[in-house]
Protein backbone atom coordinates (compact mmCIF):
# COMPACT_ATOMS: atom_id res chain seq x y z
CA SER A 1 8.72 12.30 1.68
CA GLU A 2 11.80 11.74 -0.42
CA ASP A 3 12.71 8.91 1.99
CA TYR A 4 10.50 6.51 0.03
CA LYS A 5 11.15 7.73 -3.51
CA GLY A 6 12.69 4.36 -4.56
CA LEU A 7 10.03 2.27 -2.83
CA THR A 8 8.02 -0.20 -4.91
CA VAL A 9 5.19 -2.50 -3.88
CA GLU A 10 4.34 -5.53 -6.00
CA PHE A 11 1.09 -7.41 -5.45
CA LYS A 12 1.25 -11.03 -6.61
CA THR A 13 -1.76 -13.17 -7.55
CA ASP A 14 -0.77 -15.70 -4.87
CA LYS A 15 -1.64 -13.04 -2.23
CA THR A 16 2.02 -12.14 -1.63
CA VAL A 17 3.09 -8.50 -1.53
CA ILE A 18 6.77 -7.62 -1.96
CA VAL A 19 8.11 -4.26 -0.75
CA LYS A 20 11.41 -3.12 -2.29
CA ASP A 21 13.59 -0.05 -1.88
CA ASN A 22 15.72 0.67 -4.94
CA GLY A 23 15.34 -2.97 -6.01
CA GLN A 24 16.31 -4.50 -2.64
CA VAL A 25 13.61 -6.57 -0.92
CA LEU A 26 12.66 -5.03 2.42
CA GLN A 27 9.65 -7.13 3.25
CA THR A 28 7.41 -9.92 2.01
CA SER A 29 3.89 -10.25 3.39
CA THR A 30 0.58 -11.86 2.56
CA TRP A 31 -2.30 -9.55 1.69
CA GLY A 32 -6.05 -9.38 1.40
CA ILE A 33 -8.68 -6.68 0.90
CA THR A 34 -11.27 -5.65 3.49
CA LYS A 35 -14.35 -3.50 2.87
CA LEU A 36 -14.74 -0.69 5.41
CA ASN A 37 -18.07 0.48 6.86
CA ASP A 38 -17.99 3.64 4.71
CA GLY A 39 -17.82 1.66 1.44
CA TYR A 40 -14.08 2.11 0.88
CA TYR A 41 -11.56 -0.73 0.91
CA LYS A 42 -8.21 -1.26 2.65
CA ILE A 43 -5.31 -3.70 2.43
CA ASP A 44 -4.70 -6.11 5.28
CA ALA A 45 -1.12 -7.40 5.25
CA THR A 46 0.62 -9.88 7.53
CA PRO A 47 3.10 -8.81 8.67
CA ILE A 48 1.88 -5.21 8.45
CA VAL A 49 3.16 -3.01 5.61
CA GLY A 50 3.18 0.54 7.01
CA GLN A 51 3.01 2.21 3.59
CA LEU A 52 -0.30 0.45 2.82
CA PHE A 53 -2.35 1.83 5.73
CA GLY A 54 -5.60 3.60 4.89
CA LYS A 55 -8.40 3.71 2.37
CA ILE A 56 -7.53 2.72 -1.20
CA LEU A 57 -8.14 5.54 -3.70
CA PHE A 58 -7.38 5.49 -7.44
CA CYS A 59 -6.67 8.39 -9.80
CA ASP A 60 -5.45 7.64 -13.34
CA ASP A 61 -2.23 5.59 -12.96
CA ARG A 62 -1.83 6.32 -9.23
CA VAL A 63 -3.07 4.64 -6.09
CA VAL A 64 -3.29 6.39 -2.74
CA PHE A 65 -3.42 4.67 0.62
CA SER A 66 -5.12 7.47 2.56
CA ASP A 67 -4.81 7.29 6.33
CA THR A 68 -5.39 11.00 7.08
CA TYR A 69 -8.95 10.31 8.19
CA VAL A 70 -7.43 8.86 11.39
CA ASP A 71 -4.54 11.38 11.50
CA GLY A 72 -2.09 9.10 9.70
CA CYS A 73 -0.03 9.56 6.55
CA ASP A 74 -0.99 9.21 2.90
CA ASN A 75 1.21 7.16 0.57
CA TYR A 76 1.06 7.59 -3.21
CA PHE A 77 2.24 5.02 -5.74
CA LYS A 78 2.41 5.23 -9.53
CA GLN A 79 1.55 2.12 -11.56
CA LYS A 80 4.36 0.65 -13.65
């Protein structure tokens, strides 16, 4: 969706994740990684970051948070 075209997500080494839209901070959360039963991994964030739901998949300089396996949305991000 074009609604999130300016969205950025920055993962900090102190386990903080910062979500911005066109440079403006929308949310700050803490994050961790959990291994799923099928061998994939997912992000756990508190409070929840809706754009990070789903299995983590990598392809070149992109990361996908794929939630379609439970009828959710997929969110794609390009590494900067």
